[in-house]
PDB file of N, CA and C in Angstrom:
ATOM      1  N   MET A   1      -6.233  20.287  -2.961  1.00  0.00           N
ATOM      2  CA  MET A   1      -6.135  18.854  -2.884  1.00  0.00           C
ATOM      3  C   MET A   1      -5.400  18.282  -4.110  1.00  0.00           C
ATOM      4  N   LYS A   2      -5.630  18.933  -5.262  1.00  0.00           N
ATOM      5  CA  LYS A   2      -4.920  18.426  -6.475  1.00  0.00           C
ATOM      6  C   LYS A   2      -3.430  18.547  -6.341  1.00  0.00           C
ATOM      7  N   ASN A   3      -2.975  19.651  -5.760  1.00  0.00           N
ATOM      8  CA  ASN A   3      -1.535  19.798  -5.546  1.00  0.00           C
ATOM      9  C   ASN A   3      -0.981  18.712  -4.631  1.00  0.00           C
ATOM     10  N   LEU A   4      -1.758  18.369  -3.589  1.00  0.00           N
ATOM     11  CA  LEU A   4      -1.350  17.304  -2.677  1.00  0.00           C
ATOM     12  C   LEU A   4      -1.209  16.004  -3.422  1.00  0.00           C
ATOM     13  N   LEU A   5      -2.201  15.710  -4.273  1.00  0.00           N
ATOM     14  CA  LEU A   5      -2.142  14.480  -5.064  1.00  0.00           C
ATOM     15  C   LEU A   5      -0.917  14.439  -5.960  1.00  0.00           C
ATOM     16  N   ILE A   6      -0.619  15.532  -6.616  1.00  0.00           N
ATOM     17  CA  ILE A   6       0.539  15.584  -7.517  1.00  0.00           C
ATOM     18  C   ILE A   6       1.812  15.407  -6.724  1.00  0.00           C
ATOM     19  N   ALA A   7       1.894  16.112  -5.566  1.00  0.00           N
ATOM     20  CA  ALA A   7       3.105  16.018  -4.726  1.00  0.00           C
ATOM     21  C   ALA A   7       3.254  14.600  -4.180  1.00  0.00           C
ATOM     22  N   THR A   8       2.185  13.995  -3.814  1.00  0.00           N
ATOM     23  CA  THR A   8       2.281  12.622  -3.286  1.00  0.00           C
ATOM     24  C   THR A   8       2.725  11.648  -4.335  1.00  0.00           C
ATOM     25  N   ILE A   9       2.163  11.797  -5.533  1.00  0.00           N
ATOM     26  CA  ILE A   9       2.565  10.877  -6.601  1.00  0.00           C
ATOM     27  C   ILE A   9       4.044  11.124  -6.984  1.00  0.00           C
ATOM     28  N   ALA A  10       4.474  12.354  -7.017  1.00  0.00           N
ATOM     29  CA  ALA A  10       5.862  12.687  -7.319  1.00  0.00           C
ATOM     30  C   ALA A  10       6.753  12.112  -6.241  1.00  0.00           C
ATOM     31  N   LEU A  11       6.399  12.302  -5.000  1.00  0.00           N
ATOM     32  CA  LEU A  11       7.165  11.768  -3.907  1.00  0.00           C
ATOM     33  C   LEU A  11       7.229  10.247  -3.970  1.00  0.00           C
ATOM     34  N   THR A  12       6.119   9.598  -4.285  1.00  0.00           N
ATOM     35  CA  THR A  12       6.104   8.155  -4.419  1.00  0.00           C
ATOM     36  C   THR A  12       7.087   7.689  -5.491  1.00  0.00           C
ATOM     37  N   PHE A  13       7.123   8.431  -6.630  1.00  0.00           N
ATOM     38  CA  PHE A  13       8.047   8.086  -7.677  1.00  0.00           C
ATOM     39  C   PHE A  13       9.491   8.181  -7.141  1.00  0.00           C
ATOM     40  N   SER A  14       9.813   9.178  -6.387  1.00  0.00           N
ATOM     41  CA  SER A  14      11.175   9.456  -5.939  1.00  0.00           C
ATOM     42  C   SER A  14      11.668   8.422  -4.937  1.00  0.00           C
ATOM     43  N   VAL A  15      10.735   7.814  -4.175  1.00  0.00           N
ATOM     44  CA  VAL A  15      11.221   6.897  -3.144  1.00  0.00           C
ATOM     45  C   VAL A  15      11.207   5.437  -3.613  1.00  0.00           C
ATOM     46  N   GLY A  16      10.959   5.193  -4.859  1.00  0.00           N
ATOM     47  CA  GLY A  16      11.164   3.876  -5.413  1.00  0.00           C
ATOM     48  C   GLY A  16       9.985   2.952  -5.454  1.00  0.00           C
ATOM     49  N   VAL A  17       8.788   3.450  -5.368  1.00  0.00           N
ATOM     50  CA  VAL A  17       7.646   2.553  -5.467  1.00  0.00           C
ATOM     51  C   VAL A  17       7.580   1.901  -6.831  1.00  0.00           C
ATOM     52  N   PHE A  18       8.151   2.578  -7.809  1.00  0.00           N
ATOM     53  CA  PHE A  18       8.164   2.073  -9.205  1.00  0.00           C
ATOM     54  C   PHE A  18       9.445   1.327  -9.479  1.00  0.00           C
ATOM     55  N   ALA A  19       9.727   0.318  -8.709  1.00  0.00           N
ATOM     56  CA  ALA A  19      10.981  -0.411  -8.825  1.00  0.00           C
ATOM     57  C   ALA A  19      11.256  -0.893 -10.200  1.00  0.00           C
ATOM     58  N   ASP A  20      10.221  -1.279 -10.976  1.00  0.00           N
ATOM     59  CA  ASP A  20      10.446  -1.795 -12.314  1.00  0.00           C
ATOM     60  C   ASP A  20       9.847  -0.874 -13.354  1.00  0.00           C
ATOM     61  N   CYS A  21       9.462   0.301 -12.956  1.00  0.00           N
ATOM     62  CA  CYS A  21       8.811   1.251 -13.878  1.00  0.00           C
ATOM     63  C   CYS A  21       9.506   2.587 -13.729  1.00  0.00           C
ATOM     64  N   ASN A  22      10.640   2.750 -14.290  1.00  0.00           N
ATOM     65  CA  ASN A  22      11.418   3.989 -14.088  1.00  0.00           C
ATOM     66  C   ASN A  22      10.900   5.183 -14.818  1.00  0.00           C
ATOM     67  N   ASP A  23      10.116   4.994 -15.852  1.00  0.00           N
ATOM     68  CA  ASP A  23       9.696   6.106 -16.678  1.00  0.00           C
ATOM     69  C   ASP A  23       8.260   5.924 -17.228  1.00  0.00           C
ATOM     70  N   PRO A  24       7.262   5.915 -16.369  1.00  0.00           N
ATOM     71  CA  PRO A  24       5.907   5.785 -16.850  1.00  0.00           C
ATOM     72  C   PRO A  24       5.499   7.020 -17.654  1.00  0.00           C
ATOM     73  N   LYS A  25       4.835   6.768 -18.798  1.00  0.00           N
ATOM     74  CA  LYS A  25       4.477   7.844 -19.754  1.00  0.00           C
ATOM     75  C   LYS A  25       3.105   8.465 -19.556  1.00  0.00           C
ATOM     76  N   ASN A  26       2.226   7.775 -18.924  1.00  0.00           N
ATOM     77  CA  ASN A  26       0.829   8.307 -18.770  1.00  0.00           C
ATOM     78  C   ASN A  26       0.218   7.668 -17.514  1.00  0.00           C
ATOM     79  N   SER A  27      -1.015   8.116 -17.204  1.00  0.00           N
ATOM     80  CA  SER A  27      -1.655   7.626 -15.981  1.00  0.00           C
ATOM     81  C   SER A  27      -1.920   6.165 -16.025  1.00  0.00           C
ATOM     82  N   HIS A  28      -2.195   5.632 -17.200  1.00  0.00           N
ATOM     83  CA  HIS A  28      -2.425   4.166 -17.334  1.00  0.00           C
ATOM     84  C   HIS A  28      -1.181   3.381 -16.964  1.00  0.00           C
ATOM     85  N   GLU A  29      -0.031   3.818 -17.422  1.00  0.00           N
ATOM     86  CA  GLU A  29       1.249   3.157 -17.136  1.00  0.00           C
ATOM     87  C   GLU A  29       1.589   3.316 -15.645  1.00  0.00           C
ATOM     88  N   ILE A  30       1.307   4.489 -15.096  1.00  0.00           N
ATOM     89  CA  ILE A  30       1.462   4.671 -13.658  1.00  0.00           C
ATOM     90  C   ILE A  30       0.642   3.716 -12.840  1.00  0.00           C
ATOM     91  N   GLN A  31      -0.602   3.540 -13.236  1.00  0.00           N
ATOM     92  CA  GLN A  31      -1.470   2.628 -12.567  1.00  0.00           C
ATOM     93  C   GLN A  31      -0.996   1.169 -12.688  1.00  0.00           C
ATOM     94  N   GLN A  32      -0.551   0.818 -13.856  1.00  0.00           N
ATOM     95  CA  GLN A  32      -0.031  -0.539 -14.061  1.00  0.00           C
ATOM     96  C   GLN A  32       1.203  -0.782 -13.199  1.00  0.00           C
ATOM     97  N   CYS A  33       2.109   0.165 -13.136  1.00  0.00           N
ATOM     98  CA  CYS A  33       3.270   0.037 -12.285  1.00  0.00           C
ATOM     99  C   CYS A  33       2.920  -0.098 -10.840  1.00  0.00           C
ATOM    100  N   LEU A  34       2.038   0.751 -10.364  1.00  0.00           N
ATOM    101  CA  LEU A  34       1.631   0.655  -8.968  1.00  0.00           C
ATOM    102  C   LEU A  34       0.880  -0.655  -8.684  1.00  0.00           C
ATOM    103  N   SER A  35       0.076  -1.100  -9.573  1.00  0.00           N
ATOM    104  CA  SER A  35      -0.656  -2.380  -9.397  1.00  0.00           C
ATOM    105  C   SER A  35       0.341  -3.537  -9.291  1.00  0.00           C
ATOM    106  N   SER A  36       1.377  -3.516 -10.159  1.00  0.00           N
ATOM    107  CA  SER A  36       2.396  -4.554 -10.124  1.00  0.00           C
ATOM    108  C   SER A  36       3.142  -4.538  -8.796  1.00  0.00           C
ATOM    109  N   GLU A  37       3.481  -3.324  -8.341  1.00  0.00           N
ATOM    110  CA  GLU A  37       4.216  -3.163  -7.080  1.00  0.00           C
ATOM    111  C   GLU A  37       3.332  -3.652  -5.917  1.00  0.00           C
ATOM    112  N   ILE A  38       2.044  -3.353  -5.930  1.00  0.00           N
ATOM    113  CA  ILE A  38       1.128  -3.758  -4.849  1.00  0.00           C
ATOM    114  C   ILE A  38       1.043  -5.311  -4.883  1.00  0.00           C
ATOM    115  N   THR A  39       0.990  -5.905  -6.020  1.00  0.00           N
ATOM    116  CA  THR A  39       0.937  -7.415  -6.083  1.00  0.00           C
ATOM    117  C   THR A  39       2.178  -7.998  -5.413  1.00  0.00           C
ATOM    118  N   SER A  40       3.318  -7.444  -5.730  1.00  0.00           N
ATOM    119  CA  SER A  40       4.584  -7.936  -5.145  1.00  0.00           C
ATOM    120  C   SER A  40       4.581  -7.670  -3.600  1.00  0.00           C
ATOM    121  N   LEU A  41       4.156  -6.511  -3.232  1.00  0.00           N
ATOM    122  CA  LEU A  41       4.080  -6.172  -1.767  1.00  0.00           C
ATOM    123  C   LEU A  41       3.115  -7.072  -1.039  1.00  0.00           C
ATOM    124  N   LYS A  42       2.010  -7.402  -1.653  1.00  0.00           N
ATOM    125  CA  LYS A  42       1.030  -8.275  -0.953  1.00  0.00           C
ATOM    126  C   LYS A  42       1.597  -9.705  -0.764  1.00  0.00           C
ATOM    127  N   LYS A  43       2.354 -10.168  -1.715  1.00  0.00           N
ATOM    128  CA  LYS A  43       3.025 -11.498  -1.575  1.00  0.00           C
ATOM    129  C   LYS A  43       3.983 -11.428  -0.383  1.00  0.00           C
ATOM    130  N   ASP A  44       4.728 -10.379  -0.302  1.00  0.00           N
ATOM    131  CA  ASP A  44       5.677 -10.198   0.848  1.00  0.00           C
ATOM    132  C   ASP A  44       4.937 -10.079   2.157  1.00  0.00           C
ATOM    133  N   LEU A  45       3.857  -9.323   2.160  1.00  0.00           N
ATOM    134  CA  LEU A  45       3.042  -9.151   3.362  1.00  0.00           C
ATOM    135  C   LEU A  45       2.484 -10.501   3.807  1.00  0.00           C
ATOM    136  N   ASN A  46       1.916 -11.282   2.843  1.00  0.00           N
ATOM    137  CA  ASN A  46       1.343 -12.578   3.195  1.00  0.00           C
ATOM    138  C   ASN A  46       2.374 -13.515   3.762  1.00  0.00           C
ATOM    139  N   ALA A  47       3.538 -13.530   3.122  1.00  0.00           N
ATOM    140  CA  ALA A  47       4.622 -14.422   3.598  1.00  0.00           C
ATOM    141  C   ALA A  47       5.091 -14.015   5.017  1.00  0.00           C
ATOM    142  N   THR A  48       5.273 -12.726   5.200  1.00  0.00           N
ATOM    143  CA  THR A  48       5.701 -12.228   6.553  1.00  0.00           C
ATOM    144  C   THR A  48       4.628 -12.530   7.608  1.00  0.00           C
ATOM    145  N   TYR A  49       3.366 -12.290   7.272  1.00  0.00           N
ATOM    146  CA  TYR A  49       2.277 -12.601   8.211  1.00  0.00           C
ATOM    147  C   TYR A  49       2.250 -14.070   8.530  1.00  0.00           C
ATOM    148  N   ALA A  50       2.392 -14.910   7.536  1.00  0.00           N
ATOM    149  CA  ALA A  50       2.330 -16.392   7.776  1.00  0.00           C
ATOM    150  C   ALA A  50       3.499 -16.827   8.676  1.00  0.00           C
ATOM    151  N   LYS A  51       4.660 -16.265   8.418  1.00  0.00           N
ATOM    152  CA  LYS A  51       5.814 -16.616   9.282  1.00  0.00           C
ATOM    153  C   LYS A  51       5.588 -16.207  10.716  1.00  0.00           C
ATOM    154  N   LEU A  52       5.066 -14.974  10.932  1.00  0.00           N
ATOM    155  CA  LEU A  52       4.801 -14.519  12.229  1.00  0.00           C
ATOM    156  C   LEU A  52       3.705 -15.310  12.915  1.00  0.00           C
ATOM    157  N   TYR A  53       2.659 -15.652  12.140  1.00  0.00           N
ATOM    158  CA  TYR A  53       1.537 -16.436  12.659  1.00  0.00           C
ATOM    159  C   TYR A  53       2.013 -17.790  13.188  1.00  0.00           C
ATOM    160  N   LYS A  54       2.903 -18.445  12.463  1.00  0.00           N
ATOM    161  CA  LYS A  54       3.447 -19.754  12.881  1.00  0.00           C
ATOM    162  C   LYS A  54       4.215 -19.605  14.184  1.00  0.00           C
ATOM    163  N   GLN A  55       4.894 -18.477  14.334  1.00  0.00           N
ATOM    164  CA  GLN A  55       5.760 -18.248  15.453  1.00  0.00           C
ATOM    165  C   GLN A  55       5.064 -17.892  16.720  1.00  0.00           C
ATOM    166  N   THR A  56       3.990 -17.149  16.654  1.00  0.00           N
ATOM    167  CA  THR A  56       3.355 -16.534  17.836  1.00  0.00           C
ATOM    168  C   THR A  56       2.364 -17.462  18.494  1.00  0.00           C
ATOM    169  N   ASP A  57       2.235 -17.254  19.793  1.00  0.00           N
ATOM    170  CA  ASP A  57       1.167 -17.938  20.562  1.00  0.00           C
ATOM    171  C   ASP A  57      -0.125 -17.104  20.563  1.00  0.00           C
ATOM    172  N   ALA A  58       0.015 -15.864  20.137  1.00  0.00           N
ATOM    173  CA  ALA A  58      -1.171 -14.904  20.158  1.00  0.00           C
ATOM    174  C   ALA A  58      -1.778 -14.849  18.771  1.00  0.00           C
ATOM    175  N   LYS A  59      -2.142 -16.049  18.268  1.00  0.00           N
ATOM    176  CA  LYS A  59      -2.681 -16.111  16.881  1.00  0.00           C
ATOM    177  C   LYS A  59      -3.981 -15.332  16.710  1.00  0.00           C
ATOM    178  N   GLN A  60      -4.882 -15.423  17.661  1.00  0.00           N
ATOM    179  CA  GLN A  60      -6.172 -14.750  17.537  1.00  0.00           C
ATOM    180  C   GLN A  60      -5.974 -13.220  17.529  1.00  0.00           C
ATOM    181  N   GLU A  61      -5.072 -12.765  18.397  1.00  0.00           N
ATOM    182  CA  GLU A  61      -4.805 -11.339  18.475  1.00  0.00           C
ATOM    183  C   GLU A  61      -4.159 -10.820  17.230  1.00  0.00           C
ATOM    184  N   LEU A  62      -3.217 -11.611  16.671  1.00  0.00           N
ATOM    185  CA  LEU A  62      -2.592 -11.214  15.419  1.00  0.00           C
ATOM    186  C   LEU A  62      -3.589 -11.205  14.291  1.00  0.00           C
ATOM    187  N   ASP A  63      -4.457 -12.179  14.263  1.00  0.00           N
ATOM    188  CA  ASP A  63      -5.471 -12.249  13.226  1.00  0.00           C
ATOM    189  C   ASP A  63      -6.412 -11.048  13.339  1.00  0.00           C
ATOM    190  N   ASN A  64      -6.820 -10.713  14.525  1.00  0.00           N
ATOM    191  CA  ASN A  64      -7.714  -9.542  14.779  1.00  0.00           C
ATOM    192  C   ASN A  64      -7.025  -8.250  14.360  1.00  0.00           C
ATOM    193  N   ALA A  65      -5.772  -8.168  14.740  1.00  0.00           N
ATOM    194  CA  ALA A  65      -5.010  -6.939  14.356  1.00  0.00           C
ATOM    195  C   ALA A  65      -4.878  -6.768  12.820  1.00  0.00           C
ATOM    196  N   GLN A  66      -4.639  -7.921  12.150  1.00  0.00           N
ATOM    197  CA  GLN A  66      -4.463  -7.877  10.693  1.00  0.00           C
ATOM    198  C   GLN A  66      -5.811  -7.494  10.013  1.00  0.00           C
ATOM    199  N   LYS A  67      -6.867  -8.013  10.497  1.00  0.00           N
ATOM    200  CA  LYS A  67      -8.175  -7.637   9.942  1.00  0.00           C
ATOM    201  C   LYS A  67      -8.476  -6.154  10.166  1.00  0.00           C
ATOM    202  N   ALA A  68      -8.143  -5.671  11.333  1.00  0.00           N
ATOM    203  CA  ALA A  68      -8.359  -4.252  11.602  1.00  0.00           C
ATOM    204  C   ALA A  68      -7.444  -3.393  10.723  1.00  0.00           C
ATOM    205  N   TRP A  69      -6.210  -3.849  10.509  1.00  0.00           N
ATOM    206  CA  TRP A  69      -5.285  -3.090   9.666  1.00  0.00           C
ATOM    207  C   TRP A  69      -5.801  -3.082   8.217  1.00  0.00           C
ATOM    208  N   LEU A  70      -6.289  -4.201   7.701  1.00  0.00           N
ATOM    209  CA  LEU A  70      -6.818  -4.272   6.387  1.00  0.00           C
ATOM    210  C   LEU A  70      -8.010  -3.297   6.204  1.00  0.00           C
ATOM    211  N   LYS A  71      -8.861  -3.256   7.183  1.00  0.00           N
ATOM    212  CA  LYS A  71      -9.980  -2.290   7.136  1.00  0.00           C
ATOM    213  C   LYS A  71      -9.489  -0.825   7.116  1.00  0.00           C
ATOM    214  N   TYR A  72      -8.511  -0.578   7.974  1.00  0.00           N
ATOM    215  CA  TYR A  72      -7.931   0.775   8.053  1.00  0.00           C
ATOM    216  C   TYR A  72      -7.328   1.175   6.681  1.00  0.00           C
ATOM    217  N   LYS A  73      -6.530   0.249   6.050  1.00  0.00           N
ATOM    218  CA  LYS A  73      -5.941   0.509   4.747  1.00  0.00           C
ATOM    219  C   LYS A  73      -6.990   0.792   3.737  1.00  0.00           C
ATOM    220  N   ASP A  74      -8.049   0.066   3.686  1.00  0.00           N
ATOM    221  CA  ASP A  74      -9.109   0.267   2.675  1.00  0.00           C
ATOM    222  C   ASP A  74      -9.814   1.648   2.920  1.00  0.00           C
ATOM    223  N   LEU A  75     -10.049   1.946   4.187  1.00  0.00           N
ATOM    224  CA  LEU A  75     -10.728   3.231   4.487  1.00  0.00           C
ATOM    225  C   LEU A  75      -9.831   4.386   4.227  1.00  0.00           C
ATOM    226  N   GLN A  76      -8.612   4.285   4.618  1.00  0.00           N
ATOM    227  CA  GLN A  76      -7.637   5.394   4.491  1.00  0.00           C
ATOM    228  C   GLN A  76      -7.292   5.681   3.031  1.00  0.00           C
ATOM    229  N   CYS A  77      -7.011   4.656   2.289  1.00  0.00           N
ATOM    230  CA  CYS A  77      -6.560   4.868   0.909  1.00  0.00           C
ATOM    231  C   CYS A  77      -7.722   5.037  -0.067  1.00  0.00           C
ATOM    232  N   GLY A  78      -8.836   4.375   0.123  1.00  0.00           N
ATOM    233  CA  GLY A  78      -9.924   4.437  -0.839  1.00  0.00           C
ATOM    234  C   GLY A  78     -11.005   5.422  -0.438  1.00  0.00           C
ATOM    235  N   ASP A  79     -11.745   5.025   0.535  1.00  0.00           N
ATOM    236  CA  ASP A  79     -12.944   5.824   0.914  1.00  0.00           C
ATOM    237  C   ASP A  79     -12.635   7.230   1.293  1.00  0.00           C
ATOM    238  N   PHE A  80     -11.672   7.494   2.082  1.00  0.00           N
ATOM    239  CA  PHE A  80     -11.334   8.852   2.533  1.00  0.00           C
ATOM    240  C   PHE A  80     -10.851   9.711   1.344  1.00  0.00           C
ATOM    241  N   THR A  81      -9.860   9.213   0.617  1.00  0.00           N
ATOM    242  CA  THR A  81      -9.324  10.075  -0.431  1.00  0.00           C
ATOM    243  C   THR A  81     -10.308  10.276  -1.560  1.00  0.00           C
ATOM    244  N   VAL A  82     -11.103   9.300  -1.885  1.00  0.00           N
ATOM    245  CA  VAL A  82     -12.102   9.511  -2.947  1.00  0.00           C
ATOM    246  C   VAL A  82     -13.161  10.494  -2.520  1.00  0.00           C
ATOM    247  N   ALA A  83     -13.615  10.392  -1.266  1.00  0.00           N
ATOM    248  CA  ALA A  83     -14.584  11.324  -0.767  1.00  0.00           C
ATOM    249  C   ALA A  83     -14.049  12.732  -0.716  1.00  0.00           C
ATOM    250  N   ASP A  84     -12.796  12.903  -0.477  1.00  0.00           N
ATOM    251  CA  ASP A  84     -12.160  14.200  -0.363  1.00  0.00           C
ATOM    252  C   ASP A  84     -11.904  14.772  -1.703  1.00  0.00           C
ATOM    253  N   ALA A  85     -11.441  13.997  -2.682  1.00  0.00           N
ATOM    254  CA  ALA A  85     -10.989  14.539  -3.927  1.00  0.00           C
ATOM    255  C   ALA A  85     -11.815  14.152  -5.141  1.00  0.00           C
ATOM    256  N   GLY A  86     -12.734  13.157  -4.995  1.00  0.00           N
ATOM    257  CA  GLY A  86     -13.482  12.729  -6.151  1.00  0.00           C
ATOM    258  C   GLY A  86     -12.730  11.721  -6.954  1.00  0.00           C
ATOM    259  N   TYR A  87     -13.404  11.107  -7.901  1.00  0.00           N
ATOM    260  CA  TYR A  87     -12.800  10.034  -8.713  1.00  0.00           C
ATOM    261  C   TYR A  87     -12.143  10.643  -9.944  1.00  0.00           C
ATOM    262  N   SER A  88     -10.905  10.231 -10.209  1.00  0.00           N
ATOM    263  CA  SER A  88     -10.196  10.630 -11.436  1.00  0.00           C
ATOM    264  C   SER A  88      -9.040   9.640 -11.601  1.00  0.00           C
ATOM    265  N   SER A  89      -8.407   9.673 -12.738  1.00  0.00           N
ATOM    266  CA  SER A  89      -7.256   8.783 -12.985  1.00  0.00           C
ATOM    267  C   SER A  89      -6.127   9.110 -12.044  1.00  0.00           C
ATOM    268  N   GLY A  90      -5.939  10.386 -11.681  1.00  0.00           N
ATOM    269  CA  GLY A  90      -4.931  10.771 -10.711  1.00  0.00           C
ATOM    270  C   GLY A  90      -5.310  10.255  -9.312  1.00  0.00           C
ATOM    271  N   GLN A  91      -6.589  10.215  -9.043  1.00  0.00           N
ATOM    272  CA  GLN A  91      -7.070   9.710  -7.743  1.00  0.00           C
ATOM    273  C   GLN A  91      -6.792   8.211  -7.646  1.00  0.00           C
ATOM    274  N   VAL A  92      -6.990   7.484  -8.715  1.00  0.00           N
ATOM    275  CA  VAL A  92      -6.712   6.028  -8.716  1.00  0.00           C
ATOM    276  C   VAL A  92      -5.205   5.855  -8.420  1.00  0.00           C
ATOM    277  N   ALA A  93      -4.323   6.618  -9.050  1.00  0.00           N
ATOM    278  CA  ALA A  93      -2.911   6.501  -8.792  1.00  0.00           C
ATOM    279  C   ALA A  93      -2.568   6.827  -7.364  1.00  0.00           C
ATOM    280  N   TYR A  94      -3.230   7.864  -6.837  1.00  0.00           N
ATOM    281  CA  TYR A  94      -2.987   8.240  -5.435  1.00  0.00           C
ATOM    282  C   TYR A  94      -3.466   7.131  -4.506  1.00  0.00           C
ATOM    283  N   ASP A  95      -4.595   6.503  -4.804  1.00  0.00           N
ATOM    284  CA  ASP A  95      -5.119   5.403  -3.976  1.00  0.00           C
ATOM    285  C   ASP A  95      -4.104   4.239  -3.988  1.00  0.00           C
ATOM    286  N   LEU A  96      -3.586   3.912  -5.184  1.00  0.00           N
ATOM    287  CA  LEU A  96      -2.634   2.812  -5.308  1.00  0.00           C
ATOM    288  C   LEU A  96      -1.349   3.124  -4.528  1.00  0.00           C
ATOM    289  N   ALA A  97      -0.834   4.353  -4.691  1.00  0.00           N
ATOM    290  CA  ALA A  97       0.351   4.775  -3.962  1.00  0.00           C
ATOM    291  C   ALA A  97       0.197   4.729  -2.468  1.00  0.00           C
ATOM    292  N   CYS A  98      -0.998   5.125  -1.997  1.00  0.00           N
ATOM    293  CA  CYS A  98      -1.327   5.067  -0.584  1.00  0.00           C
ATOM    294  C   CYS A  98      -1.300   3.601  -0.143  1.00  0.00           C
ATOM    295  N   GLN A  99      -1.901   2.722  -0.876  1.00  0.00           N
ATOM    296  CA  GLN A  99      -1.878   1.289  -0.520  1.00  0.00           C
ATOM    297  C   GLN A  99      -0.474   0.722  -0.452  1.00  0.00           C
ATOM    298  N   ALA A 100       0.358   1.102  -1.427  1.00  0.00           N
ATOM    299  CA  ALA A 100       1.740   0.616  -1.424  1.00  0.00           C
ATOM    300  C   ALA A 100       2.458   1.062  -0.179  1.00  0.00           C
ATOM    301  N   GLU A 101       2.304   2.334   0.164  1.00  0.00           N
ATOM    302  CA  GLU A 101       3.005   2.896   1.342  1.00  0.00           C
ATOM    303  C   GLU A 101       2.551   2.190   2.618  1.00  0.00           C
ATOM    304  N   LEU A 102       1.246   1.994   2.783  1.00  0.00           N
ATOM    305  CA  LEU A 102       0.797   1.339   4.005  1.00  0.00           C
ATOM    306  C   LEU A 102       1.163  -0.130   4.052  1.00  0.00           C
ATOM    307  N   ILE A 103       1.192  -0.797   2.908  1.00  0.00           N
ATOM    308  CA  ILE A 103       1.636  -2.214   2.892  1.00  0.00           C
ATOM    309  C   ILE A 103       3.034  -2.324   3.268  1.00  0.00           C
ATOM    310  N   GLU A 104       3.923  -1.437   2.750  1.00  0.00           N
ATOM    311  CA  GLU A 104       5.296  -1.408   3.115  1.00  0.00           C
ATOM    312  C   GLU A 104       5.478  -1.217   4.602  1.00  0.00           C
ATOM    313  N   GLN A 105       4.693  -0.274   5.166  1.00  0.00           N
ATOM    314  CA  GLN A 105       4.781  -0.051   6.634  1.00  0.00           C
ATOM    315  C   GLN A 105       4.347  -1.285   7.415  1.00  0.00           C
ATOM    316  N   ARG A 106       3.327  -1.948   6.989  1.00  0.00           N
ATOM    317  CA  ARG A 106       2.825  -3.145   7.716  1.00  0.00           C
ATOM    318  C   ARG A 106       3.856  -4.276   7.641  1.00  0.00           C
ATOM    319  N   ILE A 107       4.441  -4.459   6.478  1.00  0.00           N
ATOM    320  CA  ILE A 107       5.513  -5.481   6.332  1.00  0.00           C
ATOM    321  C   ILE A 107       6.631  -5.184   7.324  1.00  0.00           C
ATOM    322  N   SER A 108       7.049  -3.963   7.378  1.00  0.00           N
ATOM    323  CA  SER A 108       8.136  -3.572   8.295  1.00  0.00           C
ATOM    324  C   SER A 108       7.741  -3.860   9.728  1.00  0.00           C
ATOM    325  N   PHE A 109       6.539  -3.508  10.089  1.00  0.00           N
ATOM    326  CA  PHE A 109       6.065  -3.720  11.457  1.00  0.00           C
ATOM    327  C   PHE A 109       6.047  -5.214  11.816  1.00  0.00           C
ATOM    328  N   LEU A 110       5.456  -6.016  10.915  1.00  0.00           N
ATOM    329  CA  LEU A 110       5.401  -7.451  11.161  1.00  0.00           C
ATOM    330  C   LEU A 110       6.785  -8.081  11.233  1.00  0.00           C
ATOM    331  N   LYS A 111       7.700  -7.616  10.350  1.00  0.00           N
ATOM    332  CA  LYS A 111       9.085  -8.190  10.393  1.00  0.00           C
ATOM    333  C   LYS A 111       9.723  -7.839  11.729  1.00  0.00           C
ATOM    334  N   ASN A 112       9.451  -6.677  12.259  1.00  0.00           N
ATOM    335  CA  ASN A 112      10.017  -6.293  13.556  1.00  0.00           C
ATOM    336  C   ASN A 112       9.488  -7.156  14.681  1.00  0.00           C
ATOM    337  N   GLN A 113       8.359  -7.819  14.495  1.00  0.00           N
ATOM    338  CA  GLN A 113       7.780  -8.635  15.549  1.00  0.00           C
ATOM    339  C   GLN A 113       8.348 -10.064  15.549  1.00  0.00           C
ATOM    340  N   LEU A 114       9.043 -10.408  14.449  1.00  0.00           N
ATOM    341  CA  LEU A 114       9.604 -11.738  14.340  1.00  0.00           C
ATOM    342  C   LEU A 114      10.764 -11.886  15.330  1.00  0.00           C
ATOM    343  N   ASN A 115      10.926 -13.056  15.933  1.00  0.00           N
ATOM    344  CA  ASN A 115      12.066 -13.296  16.811  1.00  0.00           C
ATOM    345  C   ASN A 115      13.293 -13.667  16.035  1.00  0.00           C
TER     346      ASN A 115
END
C-alpha cells in the first residue's frame, strides 16, 4: 500500500495538481499545496453547481445527487484510505490528492450538464 501511496502522490504531482507549488520540499509543504488547490477547486465546484442549479428544473434531484457525491468523496478519500493504510503524513497527502482528483472530476461532470 505504501508503494501505491507514493505512486499516487508522484502521479498527482505530474498532472499538475500543484499548479502553484512546483517544488514542495517536505510533507508539510505538500499538504499546504494540496490544501490550497482544494480551496480553489471547491470555489470552482460551488460556482459551477450554482450555475447549473439556476439553470435546471430538477433542483431537488441535483441537490440529492450533490449530497450523495459529497458523502462518496468523504468515504472514498478519507475513511477508506485511512482504514486501509493507517494515519501518517503521507496518508494525509494521499487523502488531499484524492479529494482534488474527485473534485476535478465532479466539476467536469457538472460543466458537461450545463446547456
